[in-house]
Amino acid sequence: MCGRFYLDVTAEDMLEYFGLPFVPQLSPHYNIAPSQQIAAIISGENNREFVWLRWGLIPAWAKDKKFAYRTINARAETIETKPSFRAAFKYRRCLIPASGFFEWKSTGQGKQPYCITSKSGQPFAFAGLYEHWEGSGDEKIDSCTIIVTEAKGEIAAIHDRMPVILSPDIYDAWLDKDTREPAILKPLLLPHEAGEITLYPVSRSVNSPKNISPDNIKPI
């Protein structure tokens, strides 16, 4: 699964790496957790569009926003059949920018967090889905989920699942509103290539979502 990540980029970085026409000023966040508002990219009217989405997808048909607690991740293997995700998979796909993410490895001394980033040091994008939900009264929430798949390479030694990281050359294919066939979309949801990432142990201070210090990504 993917339950924490971080984003340390400027608006200028986002414009360059993700081909966006506009990005608001951003502050680094070194411990992004479920239920928080996160940066995302969707297909707009004419261009890619930067939006804020709440992490934890709430299907339009859900009776309660607490539904989001079980939908922070969507399994790539079953995404086209699960009621929570199948409509969004067809019609509402997004990119979720990240600088890196955290996974926990079980050890004899408890769970050890690891920071996982690209070897290039550049930001990347998780494959995501988004939804619009309206509750009672005027409550409206735009929410999202991060798609996960079987872990490969170095990450498999830490955890059996990992987020789907899309390569820049398939961003357009993933965001294309006219593409709805699982036979075209699912082959895009592959594990990241071995050798393209780096990982290292970090302080257990990252265990608490309240700790948003840049020390969270320092090797120990």
Foldseek 3Di string as FASTA:
>chain_A
DFFWFWADDFQVLCCVPPVDPGDDGDDTFGTDGAQDWAWKWAQDPDHIDIDTAGQFADAQPDQDPVNSVVFQEDELVCQCPDPRHNVQQQAFKIWGKGQWGWFWAQDPVGTFIKTKGFPVSRIFTFIKTWHWYAYPDGDIHIHMHFYKYAEDAPCVNGPGIDTFTADSVCNCVSNPRVDGDCVSNSVRRDHDDHPGMDMATADCVSVDSVDGDPSRNDHD
